N, C-alpha and C. Protein backbone atom coordinates (compact mmCIF):
# COMPACT_ATOMS: atom_id res chain seq x y z
N MET A 1 0.91 -0.90 0.37
CA MET A 1 -0.14 0.33 0.28
C MET A 1 0.96 1.29 -0.31
N SER A 2 0.56 2.38 -0.68
CA SER A 2 0.97 3.30 -0.94
C SER A 2 1.34 4.36 0.35
N THR A 3 1.68 5.68 1.00
CA THR A 3 1.81 6.36 1.86
C THR A 3 0.53 6.80 1.42
N HIS A 4 0.43 7.00 0.68
CA HIS A 4 -1.19 7.61 0.24
C HIS A 4 -2.33 6.87 1.14
N ASP A 5 -2.56 6.27 0.10
CA ASP A 5 -3.24 5.45 0.60
C ASP A 5 -3.85 4.79 2.40
N GLU A 6 -2.38 4.48 3.16
CA GLU A 6 -1.71 4.07 4.08
C GLU A 6 -2.36 5.68 5.51
N ILE A 7 -2.67 6.86 5.15
CA ILE A 7 -2.90 8.12 5.14
C ILE A 7 -4.22 7.49 5.34
N LEU A 8 -4.51 7.56 4.32
CA LEU A 8 -6.02 7.73 3.94
C LEU A 8 -6.49 6.91 4.54
N SER A 9 -6.12 5.72 4.80
CA SER A 9 -6.94 4.33 5.72
C SER A 9 -7.05 4.85 6.99
N LEU A 10 -5.93 4.83 7.16
CA LEU A 10 -5.42 5.72 9.28
C LEU A 10 -6.62 6.36 9.66
N GLY A 11 -6.24 7.47 8.73
CA GLY A 11 -7.59 8.73 8.82
C GLY A 11 -8.95 8.29 9.13
N ASP A 12 -9.75 7.47 7.81
CA ASP A 12 -10.60 6.95 8.17
C ASP A 12 -11.10 6.68 8.93
N ASP A 13 -9.99 5.33 9.75
CA ASP A 13 -10.49 4.27 10.70
C ASP A 13 -10.46 5.80 12.09
N LEU A 14 -9.06 6.45 12.29
CA LEU A 14 -9.68 7.34 13.00
C LEU A 14 -10.80 8.18 12.88
N MET A 15 -11.10 8.52 12.12
CA MET A 15 -12.34 9.22 11.97
C MET A 15 -13.86 8.54 12.53
N ARG A 16 -13.84 7.29 12.42
CA ARG A 16 -14.96 6.04 12.79
C ARG A 16 -14.77 6.20 14.12
N MET A 17 -13.29 6.19 14.39
CA MET A 17 -13.00 5.21 16.19
C MET A 17 -13.32 6.77 17.07
N HIS A 18 -12.57 8.31 16.69
CA HIS A 18 -11.99 8.95 17.56
C HIS A 18 -12.75 10.17 17.30
N GLY A 19 -13.31 10.77 16.11
CA GLY A 19 -13.29 11.78 15.58
C GLY A 19 -12.68 12.19 14.73
N PHE A 20 -13.07 13.56 14.32
CA PHE A 20 -12.33 14.62 12.64
C PHE A 20 -11.64 15.06 13.89
N ASN A 21 -12.16 15.21 14.95
CA ASN A 21 -11.87 16.70 15.79
C ASN A 21 -10.72 16.48 16.73
N ALA A 22 -10.62 14.84 16.71
CA ALA A 22 -9.81 14.13 17.12
C ALA A 22 -8.51 13.55 17.55
N PHE A 23 -8.06 14.06 16.30
CA PHE A 23 -6.42 13.38 15.89
C PHE A 23 -5.95 14.43 15.21
N SER A 24 -4.95 14.66 14.68
CA SER A 24 -3.97 15.40 14.03
C SER A 24 -3.00 14.74 13.13
N TYR A 25 -2.29 15.63 12.86
CA TYR A 25 -1.17 15.11 11.78
C TYR A 25 -0.49 14.11 11.80
N TYR A 26 0.10 15.04 13.03
CA TYR A 26 1.28 14.15 14.14
C TYR A 26 0.62 12.73 14.50
N HIS A 27 -0.45 12.29 14.95
CA HIS A 27 -1.07 11.89 14.96
C HIS A 27 -0.81 10.30 13.98
N LEU A 28 -1.27 10.62 13.09
CA LEU A 28 -1.07 10.09 11.12
C LEU A 28 0.24 10.04 11.31
N ALA A 29 1.04 10.75 11.37
CA ALA A 29 2.66 10.39 11.28
C ALA A 29 3.29 9.74 11.92
N ASP A 30 2.74 9.64 13.65
CA ASP A 30 3.80 8.86 14.22
C ASP A 30 3.59 7.72 14.49
N ALA A 31 1.82 7.45 14.26
CA ALA A 31 1.15 5.99 13.57
C ALA A 31 2.40 5.44 12.62
N LEU A 32 2.22 5.96 11.68
CA LEU A 32 2.97 5.78 10.21
C LEU A 32 4.57 5.11 10.13
N LYS A 33 5.07 6.34 11.56
CA LYS A 33 6.67 5.84 10.84
C LYS A 33 6.86 6.80 10.24
N VAL A 34 6.21 7.75 9.66
CA VAL A 34 6.37 8.75 8.72
C VAL A 34 6.10 10.03 9.28
N ARG A 35 7.12 11.24 8.46
CA ARG A 35 7.62 12.81 9.00
C ARG A 35 6.61 13.30 8.46
N PRO A 36 5.60 14.60 9.61
CA PRO A 36 4.74 14.99 9.37
C PRO A 36 3.86 15.53 8.27
N ALA A 37 5.83 16.27 7.92
CA ALA A 37 5.83 17.12 6.34
C ALA A 37 5.49 15.52 5.54
N ALA A 38 5.87 14.68 5.69
CA ALA A 38 5.06 12.90 4.56
C ALA A 38 3.32 13.37 4.24
N VAL A 39 2.91 14.23 5.50
CA VAL A 39 1.15 13.85 5.51
C VAL A 39 0.26 15.12 4.63
N HIS A 40 1.57 16.34 4.92
CA HIS A 40 1.51 17.42 4.21
C HIS A 40 1.62 16.70 3.37
N TYR A 41 2.03 16.76 2.75
CA TYR A 41 2.74 16.58 1.13
C TYR A 41 1.37 15.88 0.24
N HIS A 42 1.15 14.77 1.08
CA HIS A 42 -0.17 14.38 -0.24
C HIS A 42 -1.53 15.11 0.57
N PHE A 43 -1.63 15.45 1.75
CA PHE A 43 -2.71 15.86 1.44
C PHE A 43 -2.43 17.52 2.27
N PRO A 44 -2.59 18.14 1.66
CA PRO A 44 -2.40 19.56 2.67
C PRO A 44 -2.40 20.30 3.20
N THR A 45 -3.85 19.91 3.84
CA THR A 45 -5.11 20.70 4.97
C THR A 45 -5.38 19.26 5.25
N LYS A 46 -6.31 19.30 6.11
CA LYS A 46 -6.49 18.72 7.26
C LYS A 46 -7.99 17.78 6.30
N ASP A 47 -8.66 19.13 6.15
CA ASP A 47 -10.26 19.13 5.19
C ASP A 47 -10.04 18.31 3.70
N ALA A 48 -8.62 18.74 2.99
CA ALA A 48 -7.87 17.43 1.70
C ALA A 48 -8.64 15.92 2.13
N LEU A 49 -7.85 15.74 3.69
CA LEU A 49 -7.74 14.14 4.33
C LEU A 49 -9.37 13.77 4.11
N ALA A 50 -10.51 14.68 4.61
CA ALA A 50 -11.53 14.60 4.70
C ALA A 50 -12.82 13.81 3.40
N LEU A 51 -12.13 15.12 3.13
CA LEU A 51 -12.76 15.30 1.85
C LEU A 51 -12.70 13.65 0.57
N SER A 52 -11.24 13.82 0.95
CA SER A 52 -10.83 12.52 0.25
C SER A 52 -11.51 10.93 0.96
N ILE A 53 -11.09 10.53 1.96
CA ILE A 53 -11.93 9.95 3.02
C ILE A 53 -13.41 9.80 2.44
N VAL A 54 -14.33 11.23 2.28
CA VAL A 54 -15.29 10.86 2.02
C VAL A 54 -15.70 10.21 0.23
N ASN A 55 -14.63 10.98 -0.09
CA ASN A 55 -15.18 10.26 -1.68
C ASN A 55 -14.58 9.05 -2.29
N ARG A 56 -13.76 8.27 -1.07
CA ARG A 56 -13.59 7.10 -1.16
C ARG A 56 -14.46 6.26 -0.92
N SER A 57 -15.21 6.62 0.57
CA SER A 57 -16.42 5.81 0.71
C SER A 57 -17.59 5.69 -0.22
N ARG A 58 -17.96 6.70 -0.60
CA ARG A 58 -18.89 6.94 -2.15
C ARG A 58 -18.54 5.97 -2.79
N GLU A 59 -17.20 5.85 -3.75
CA GLU A 59 -16.86 5.27 -4.72
C GLU A 59 -16.98 3.53 -3.95
N ALA A 60 -16.71 3.52 -2.91
CA ALA A 60 -16.80 1.82 -2.39
C ALA A 60 -17.93 1.82 -2.17
N PHE A 61 -18.99 2.41 -1.76
CA PHE A 61 -20.66 1.94 -1.71
C PHE A 61 -21.28 2.10 -3.19
N HIS A 62 -20.51 3.05 -4.79
CA HIS A 62 -21.19 2.60 -5.64
C HIS A 62 -20.53 0.95 -5.70
N ALA A 63 -19.48 0.89 -5.37
CA ALA A 63 -18.89 -0.04 -6.33
C ALA A 63 -19.85 -1.59 -5.43
N PHE A 64 -20.01 -1.80 -4.12
CA PHE A 64 -20.51 -2.36 -3.52
C PHE A 64 -22.16 -2.76 -4.15
N SER A 65 -23.25 -1.32 -4.64
CA SER A 65 -23.71 -1.65 -5.31
C SER A 65 -24.45 -1.98 -6.39
N GLU A 66 -23.02 -2.09 -7.60
CA GLU A 66 -22.89 -2.75 -8.40
C GLU A 66 -22.68 -3.83 -7.89
N ARG A 67 -22.06 -4.69 -7.30
CA ARG A 67 -21.68 -5.47 -7.18
C ARG A 67 -23.03 -6.94 -6.08
N VAL A 68 -23.92 -6.14 -5.88
CA VAL A 68 -24.76 -6.74 -4.94
C VAL A 68 -26.26 -6.74 -6.49
N LEU A 69 -26.16 -6.18 -7.34
CA LEU A 69 -26.90 -5.85 -8.66
C LEU A 69 -26.93 -7.86 -8.74
N LEU A 70 -25.86 -8.80 -8.33
CA LEU A 70 -25.46 -9.45 -9.15
C LEU A 70 -26.36 -11.22 -8.19
N GLU A 71 -27.06 -10.45 -7.12
CA GLU A 71 -28.21 -10.51 -6.58
C GLU A 71 -29.47 -10.74 -6.16
N ALA A 72 -29.81 -11.48 -6.87
CA ALA A 72 -31.45 -11.85 -6.92
C ALA A 72 -32.61 -11.52 -5.76
N ASP A 73 -31.81 -12.27 -5.13
CA ASP A 73 -32.64 -12.04 -3.49
C ASP A 73 -32.97 -10.63 -3.33
N LEU A 74 -33.95 -9.93 -2.83
CA LEU A 74 -33.74 -9.05 -2.91
C LEU A 74 -33.68 -8.75 -0.79
N GLN A 75 -34.04 -9.62 -0.42
CA GLN A 75 -33.48 -9.69 1.26
C GLN A 75 -32.62 -10.24 0.90
N ILE A 76 -32.08 -10.68 0.64
CA ILE A 76 -30.28 -10.54 1.03
C ILE A 76 -29.68 -9.31 0.63
N ARG A 77 -30.17 -9.44 -0.72
CA ARG A 77 -29.20 -7.01 -0.27
C ARG A 77 -29.12 -6.66 0.72
N LEU A 78 -30.49 -6.67 1.00
CA LEU A 78 -30.52 -5.52 2.21
C LEU A 78 -29.34 -6.03 3.67
N LYS A 79 -29.60 -7.37 3.86
CA LYS A 79 -28.67 -7.98 4.38
C LYS A 79 -26.82 -8.11 4.30
N SER A 80 -26.93 -7.53 2.63
CA SER A 80 -25.60 -7.21 2.61
C SER A 80 -25.34 -5.91 2.62
N PHE A 81 -26.53 -5.25 2.91
CA PHE A 81 -25.66 -3.68 2.80
C PHE A 81 -25.89 -3.24 4.14
N VAL A 82 -27.03 -4.10 5.40
CA VAL A 82 -26.55 -4.11 6.77
C VAL A 82 -25.00 -4.51 7.38
N ARG A 83 -24.49 -6.12 7.09
CA ARG A 83 -23.60 -6.17 7.07
C ARG A 83 -21.68 -4.75 6.95
N ILE A 84 -22.23 -3.97 6.26
CA ILE A 84 -21.47 -3.12 6.57
C ILE A 84 -21.15 -2.58 7.61
N PHE A 85 -22.29 -2.12 8.34
CA PHE A 85 -22.39 -1.16 9.15
C PHE A 85 -22.23 -2.79 10.70
N ALA A 86 -22.18 -3.48 10.65
CA ALA A 86 -21.11 -4.14 11.48
C ALA A 86 -20.27 -5.11 11.24
N GLU A 87 -19.81 -5.34 10.64
CA GLU A 87 -18.76 -4.30 10.62
C GLU A 87 -17.41 -3.26 11.20
N ASN A 88 -18.25 -2.88 11.14
CA ASN A 88 -18.21 -1.32 11.65
C ASN A 88 -17.94 -1.70 13.23
N ALA A 89 -18.81 -2.23 13.66
CA ALA A 89 -19.67 -2.85 15.03
C ALA A 89 -18.55 -3.79 15.15
N ASP A 90 -18.41 -5.10 14.58
CA ASP A 90 -17.28 -5.61 15.33
C ASP A 90 -16.13 -4.81 15.39
N THR A 91 -15.37 -4.22 14.78
CA THR A 91 -14.26 -3.53 15.65
C THR A 91 -14.25 -1.89 16.59
N GLY A 92 -15.66 -1.56 16.83
CA GLY A 92 -15.92 -1.16 17.94
C GLY A 92 -15.38 0.87 17.24
N LYS A 93 -16.27 0.85 16.02
CA LYS A 93 -15.91 1.94 14.99
C LYS A 93 -17.87 2.39 14.72
N ILE A 94 -18.34 3.60 14.26
CA ILE A 94 -18.94 3.87 14.09
C ILE A 94 -18.59 4.16 12.62
N CYS A 95 -20.44 3.83 11.78
CA CYS A 95 -19.94 4.34 10.43
C CYS A 95 -19.13 6.22 10.21
N LEU A 96 -19.56 6.89 8.30
CA LEU A 96 -19.31 7.14 7.71
C LEU A 96 -20.09 8.86 8.48
N MET A 97 -21.37 8.23 7.95
CA MET A 97 -22.54 8.87 7.99
C MET A 97 -22.68 9.78 9.95
N GLY A 98 -22.26 8.84 10.53
CA GLY A 98 -22.59 9.07 12.06
C GLY A 98 -20.79 10.17 12.17
N ALA A 99 -20.05 9.81 12.11
CA ALA A 99 -19.24 10.28 11.94
C ALA A 99 -18.96 11.48 11.39
N ALA A 100 -19.05 11.79 10.37
CA ALA A 100 -19.15 12.87 9.58
C ALA A 100 -19.98 13.71 10.55
N GLY A 101 -21.85 13.42 10.80
CA GLY A 101 -22.29 14.07 11.28
C GLY A 101 -22.19 14.63 11.96
N ALA A 102 -21.71 14.04 12.81
CA ALA A 102 -20.90 14.58 14.41
C ALA A 102 -20.53 15.86 14.67
N ASP A 103 -19.19 15.35 13.45
CA ASP A 103 -18.12 16.53 13.23
C ASP A 103 -18.72 17.68 11.94
N PHE A 104 -20.40 17.82 11.90
CA PHE A 104 -20.03 18.32 10.19
C PHE A 104 -20.30 19.91 9.66
N TYR A 105 -20.13 20.52 11.17
CA TYR A 105 -19.67 22.10 10.84
C TYR A 105 -18.26 22.15 11.33
N SER A 106 -17.57 20.94 11.76
CA SER A 106 -15.85 20.88 11.59
C SER A 106 -15.65 21.11 10.27
N LEU A 107 -16.48 20.50 8.83
CA LEU A 107 -16.02 20.66 7.61
C LEU A 107 -16.25 21.44 6.94
N SER A 108 -14.89 21.15 6.18
CA SER A 108 -15.53 22.60 4.84
C SER A 108 -16.82 22.22 4.33
N GLU A 109 -17.28 23.39 3.09
CA GLU A 109 -18.63 23.69 2.27
C GLU A 109 -18.74 22.55 1.56
N ASP A 110 -17.18 22.46 0.90
CA ASP A 110 -17.03 21.13 -0.63
C ASP A 110 -16.98 19.88 0.70
N THR A 111 -16.67 19.54 1.74
CA THR A 111 -16.29 18.20 2.41
C THR A 111 -17.98 17.79 3.11
N ARG A 112 -18.93 18.85 3.77
CA ARG A 112 -20.64 18.81 3.91
C ARG A 112 -20.69 18.71 2.39
N GLY A 113 -20.48 19.33 1.17
CA GLY A 113 -21.00 19.44 -0.09
C GLY A 113 -21.29 17.08 -0.10
N ALA A 114 -20.58 17.05 0.01
CA ALA A 114 -19.96 15.38 -0.41
C ALA A 114 -20.23 14.42 0.58
N VAL A 115 -20.52 14.51 1.60
CA VAL A 115 -21.05 14.17 2.57
C VAL A 115 -22.54 14.11 2.44
N ARG A 116 -23.38 15.37 1.69
CA ARG A 116 -24.85 14.89 1.27
C ARG A 116 -24.46 14.08 0.52
N LEU A 117 -23.93 14.18 -0.59
CA LEU A 117 -24.05 13.36 -2.00
C LEU A 117 -23.80 11.88 -1.20
N PHE A 118 -22.91 11.21 -0.61
CA PHE A 118 -23.20 10.44 0.02
C PHE A 118 -23.92 10.31 0.35
N VAL A 119 -24.40 10.24 1.29
CA VAL A 119 -25.68 9.90 2.15
C VAL A 119 -26.70 9.87 0.95
N LEU A 120 -27.06 10.86 0.70
CA LEU A 120 -28.22 10.68 -0.34
C LEU A 120 -28.05 9.99 -1.48
N ASP A 121 -26.35 9.03 -1.80
CA ASP A 121 -26.83 8.14 -2.99
C ASP A 121 -26.93 6.57 -1.95
N ILE A 122 -26.75 6.51 -0.68
CA ILE A 122 -27.10 5.57 0.17
C ILE A 122 -29.20 5.51 0.21
N ILE A 123 -29.28 6.77 0.95
CA ILE A 123 -30.99 6.92 0.75
C ILE A 123 -31.81 6.14 -0.17
N ALA A 124 -30.97 6.72 -1.41
CA ALA A 124 -31.87 6.69 -2.87
C ALA A 124 -31.67 4.82 -2.93
N TRP A 125 -30.52 4.48 -3.12
CA TRP A 125 -30.36 3.04 -3.31
C TRP A 125 -30.98 2.40 -2.27
N LEU A 126 -30.95 2.26 -1.71
CA LEU A 126 -32.31 1.52 0.08
C LEU A 126 -33.28 1.55 -0.78
N THR A 127 -33.84 3.00 -0.30
CA THR A 127 -35.11 3.33 -1.49
C THR A 127 -35.97 2.55 -2.49
N ASP A 128 -34.91 2.50 -3.61
CA ASP A 128 -35.33 1.79 -4.71
C ASP A 128 -35.23 0.03 -4.35
N LEU A 129 -34.31 -0.62 -3.73
CA LEU A 129 -34.43 -1.67 -2.77
C LEU A 129 -35.48 -1.84 -2.13
N LEU A 130 -36.16 -0.84 -1.70
CA LEU A 130 -37.45 -1.36 -0.60
C LEU A 130 -38.76 -0.77 -1.99
N ASP A 131 -38.39 -0.50 -3.07
CA ASP A 131 -39.57 -0.07 -3.61
C ASP A 131 -39.42 -1.31 -4.24
N GLU A 132 -38.18 -1.79 -4.61
CA GLU A 132 -38.63 -3.06 -5.85
C GLU A 132 -39.10 -4.32 -4.63
N GLY A 133 -38.51 -4.34 -3.67
CA GLY A 133 -39.06 -5.19 -2.92
C GLY A 133 -39.93 -5.56 -2.36
N ARG A 134 -40.86 -4.15 -2.55
CA ARG A 134 -42.29 -4.40 -1.79
C ARG A 134 -43.18 -4.18 -3.05
N GLN A 135 -42.55 -4.13 -4.45
CA GLN A 135 -43.65 -4.53 -5.17
C GLN A 135 -43.93 -5.89 -4.84
N CYS A 136 -42.87 -6.77 -5.31
CA CYS A 136 -42.60 -8.67 -5.64
C CYS A 136 -42.63 -8.88 -4.22
N GLY A 137 -43.27 -8.81 -3.39
CA GLY A 137 -43.52 -8.85 -2.22
C GLY A 137 -42.67 -9.87 -1.00
N ASP A 138 -41.43 -9.67 -1.52
CA ASP A 138 -40.23 -9.78 -0.75
C ASP A 138 -40.06 -8.69 0.75
N PHE A 139 -41.22 -7.27 0.73
CA PHE A 139 -40.76 -6.82 1.61
C PHE A 139 -42.18 -6.05 1.64
N THR A 140 -42.53 -5.98 3.19
CA THR A 140 -43.70 -5.64 3.39
C THR A 140 -43.73 -4.02 4.52
N PHE A 141 -43.73 -2.85 4.14
CA PHE A 141 -44.21 -2.15 5.35
C PHE A 141 -45.29 -1.17 4.73
N ASP A 142 -45.05 -0.33 5.70
CA ASP A 142 -46.51 1.33 5.99
C ASP A 142 -45.39 2.60 5.42
N GLY A 143 -46.12 3.25 4.81
CA GLY A 143 -45.67 4.77 4.30
C GLY A 143 -44.78 4.03 2.70
N LEU A 144 -44.03 4.97 2.21
CA LEU A 144 -43.56 5.99 1.21
C LEU A 144 -42.28 5.27 1.47
N PRO A 145 -41.35 4.62 0.65
CA PRO A 145 -40.53 3.41 0.71
C PRO A 145 -38.65 4.25 0.98
N ARG A 146 -39.01 6.11 0.88
CA ARG A 146 -37.90 6.64 1.12
C ARG A 146 -38.83 7.24 2.37
N THR A 147 -39.28 7.11 2.94
CA THR A 147 -38.95 6.88 4.53
C THR A 147 -38.01 5.64 5.70
N ARG A 148 -39.45 5.00 5.17
CA ARG A 148 -38.25 3.73 5.23
C ARG A 148 -36.88 3.32 5.30
N ALA A 149 -36.41 3.56 4.39
CA ALA A 149 -35.22 4.20 4.07
C ALA A 149 -34.29 4.86 5.24
N LEU A 150 -34.67 6.43 5.10
CA LEU A 150 -34.42 7.13 6.16
C LEU A 150 -33.79 6.37 7.37
N LEU A 151 -35.25 5.80 7.99
CA LEU A 151 -35.35 4.89 9.29
C LEU A 151 -34.39 3.68 9.21
N ILE A 152 -34.32 3.39 8.00
CA ILE A 152 -33.07 2.12 8.61
C ILE A 152 -31.69 2.17 8.44
N ALA A 153 -32.00 3.56 7.87
CA ALA A 153 -30.17 4.33 7.32
C ALA A 153 -29.78 5.05 9.32
N THR A 154 -30.82 5.81 9.42
CA THR A 154 -30.71 6.43 11.21
C THR A 154 -30.95 4.98 11.57
N ASN A 155 -31.56 4.37 11.65
CA ASN A 155 -31.11 3.43 13.36
C ASN A 155 -30.03 2.32 13.30
N LEU A 156 -29.39 2.18 11.65
CA LEU A 156 -28.12 1.50 11.43
C LEU A 156 -27.34 2.40 12.27
N ALA A 157 -27.27 3.45 11.72
CA ALA A 157 -25.32 4.38 12.08
C ALA A 157 -25.95 4.62 14.09
N ALA A 158 -27.09 4.61 14.28
CA ALA A 158 -27.32 5.05 16.04
C ALA A 158 -27.23 3.23 16.88
N SER A 159 -27.61 2.26 15.92
CA SER A 159 -26.77 1.24 16.21
C SER A 159 -25.65 0.61 16.82
N LEU A 160 -24.71 1.48 15.78
CA LEU A 160 -23.48 1.64 16.06
C LEU A 160 -22.51 2.17 17.25
N HIS A 161 -23.59 3.51 17.96
CA HIS A 161 -23.26 4.16 18.86
C HIS A 161 -23.94 3.51 20.34
N MET A 162 -24.49 2.83 19.79
CA MET A 162 -24.95 2.52 21.30
C MET A 162 -24.52 0.53 21.03
N ALA A 163 -23.97 -0.03 20.50
CA ALA A 163 -22.96 -1.13 20.97
C ALA A 163 -21.83 -0.79 21.67
N ARG A 164 -21.67 0.76 21.27
CA ARG A 164 -19.97 0.62 21.73
C ARG A 164 -20.05 1.08 23.48
N ILE A 165 -21.69 1.63 23.94
CA ILE A 165 -22.26 1.48 25.29
C ILE A 165 -22.49 0.86 26.10
N LEU A 166 -23.17 -0.41 25.05
CA LEU A 166 -23.72 -1.88 25.67
C LEU A 166 -23.35 -2.94 24.70
N GLY A 167 -21.75 -3.01 24.00
CA GLY A 167 -21.93 -4.07 23.86
C GLY A 167 -22.38 -4.40 21.95
N LYS A 168 -21.73 -5.41 21.24
CA LYS A 168 -22.01 -5.52 20.07
C LYS A 168 -23.91 -6.45 19.54
N LYS A 169 -24.13 -7.08 20.87
CA LYS A 169 -25.10 -7.87 21.26
C LYS A 169 -26.42 -6.83 20.50
N GLU A 170 -25.54 -5.80 20.79
CA GLU A 170 -27.08 -4.32 20.37
C GLU A 170 -27.67 -4.01 19.70
N PHE A 171 -26.23 -4.28 18.34
CA PHE A 171 -25.85 -4.27 17.25
C PHE A 171 -26.75 -4.89 15.98
N GLN A 172 -26.38 -5.78 16.87
CA GLN A 172 -26.66 -7.34 16.69
C GLN A 172 -28.42 -7.61 16.91
N SER A 173 -29.03 -7.07 17.93
CA SER A 173 -29.91 -7.09 17.91
C SER A 173 -31.19 -5.93 17.18
N ILE A 174 -31.08 -4.96 17.23
CA ILE A 174 -31.25 -3.57 16.19
C ILE A 174 -31.56 -4.00 15.18
N SER A 175 -30.41 -4.31 14.33
CA SER A 175 -30.56 -4.96 12.86
C SER A 175 -30.81 -6.02 12.78
N GLY A 176 -30.90 -6.51 13.80
CA GLY A 176 -31.77 -8.38 12.74
C GLY A 176 -33.86 -8.06 13.01
N GLN A 177 -33.71 -6.80 14.43
CA GLN A 177 -34.89 -6.88 14.05
C GLN A 177 -35.68 -5.73 12.59
N LEU A 178 -34.56 -5.05 12.59
CA LEU A 178 -34.76 -3.91 11.84
C LEU A 178 -35.53 -4.50 10.10
N VAL A 179 -34.19 -5.92 9.83
CA VAL A 179 -34.87 -6.89 8.69
C VAL A 179 -35.89 -7.64 8.95
N LYS A 180 -36.11 -8.20 10.07
CA LYS A 180 -37.56 -8.75 10.62
C LYS A 180 -38.68 -8.48 10.08
N ASP A 181 -38.32 -7.03 10.55
CA ASP A 181 -39.98 -5.48 10.53
C ASP A 181 -40.49 -5.99 9.02
N ILE A 182 -39.02 -5.90 8.55
CA ILE A 182 -39.80 -5.08 6.69
C ILE A 182 -40.35 -6.87 5.65
N CYS A 183 -39.15 -7.91 6.01
CA CYS A 183 -39.09 -9.10 5.42
C CYS A 183 -39.91 -10.37 5.60
N PRO A 184 -40.84 -10.50 5.00
CA PRO A 184 -41.61 -11.63 5.57
C PRO A 184 -41.44 -12.61 5.38
N SER A 185 -41.51 -13.54 5.95
CA SER A 185 -40.81 -15.56 5.70
C SER A 185 -40.96 -15.58 4.41
N LYS A 186 -40.20 -16.12 4.40
CA LYS A 186 -40.19 -17.05 2.10
C LYS A 186 -41.47 -17.88 2.38
N LYS A 187 -42.18 -18.75 3.86
CA LYS A 187 -42.72 -19.37 3.18
C LYS A 187 -43.80 -18.80 2.88
N SER A 188 -44.33 -17.54 4.44
CA SER A 188 -45.66 -17.15 4.31
C SER A 188 -45.90 -16.15 2.66
N THR A 189 -44.48 -15.86 2.28
CA THR A 189 -44.48 -15.56 0.99
C THR A 189 -45.20 -16.19 -0.43
N LYS A 190 -44.89 -18.03 0.05
CA LYS A 190 -44.92 -18.50 -1.15
C LYS A 190 -46.77 -18.70 -0.44
N ARG A 191 -47.28 -18.99 0.64
CA ARG A 191 -48.39 -19.24 0.81
C ARG A 191 -49.43 -18.26 0.34
N SER A 192 -48.77 -16.50 0.36
CA SER A 192 -49.74 -15.48 -0.02
C SER A 192 -50.07 -16.18 -1.68
N SER A 193 -48.20 -16.29 -2.67
CA SER A 193 -48.70 -16.45 -3.99
C SER A 193 -49.91 -17.96 -3.97
N SER A 194 -49.93 -18.98 -3.67
CA SER A 194 -50.32 -19.97 -3.39
C SER A 194 -51.72 -19.01 -3.47
N LYS A 195 -52.38 -18.36 -2.47
CA LYS A 195 -53.70 -18.15 -3.19
C LYS A 195 -54.18 -17.14 -3.67
N VAL A 196 -53.43 -16.29 -4.40
CA VAL A 196 -53.64 -15.53 -5.05
C VAL A 196 -53.79 -16.33 -6.82
N ARG A 197 -52.61 -17.74 -6.87
CA ARG A 197 -52.94 -18.11 -8.04
C ARG A 197 -54.14 -19.43 -8.14
N GLY A 198 -54.51 -18.86 -6.89
CA GLY A 198 -55.44 -20.19 -6.79
C GLY A 198 -57.45 -19.18 -6.79
N LYS A 199 -57.20 -18.23 -6.82
CA LYS A 199 -58.28 -17.49 -6.94
C LYS A 199 -58.31 -17.83 -7.84
């Protein structure tokens, strides 16, 4: 991994673990055993680093959304999305939405704009998934798909904070219930389809 990518990865970890305002270039340089000037060479300002972290996460989400299209089962697509958050729970970190939201007004307008686009990408993808799933019977819920998408994303982000305080099992409990609330069992789905065909 290049020094540039090492700085980016460590900055991402520190932002999710401690918050954007809780670390400095000295912490990055010390952890990577490089001079602070080397960090400034790749990222002239700390906000330039934050912008790169957000853009990298946005690109990673785009790659995920393309990759998961190969999965025909929409419930599995949803569970794959939840696993992104579970990986943070496993390491005691919060998601980038939560980390950036907590320090939102410490970020430049450019970075805040990138955060908005990142979150809107997630909500749009989740909205489309829920809309498609409800139409084909894979999901069942009241209200607008976008409102449900906001509820799911918000609860997943908040559950990572609860996991820090009360333990990882709380994330598992919350995320599991979020999925269960909108995913009818395969048996009941088949039974409903059979009734429709029998009419």
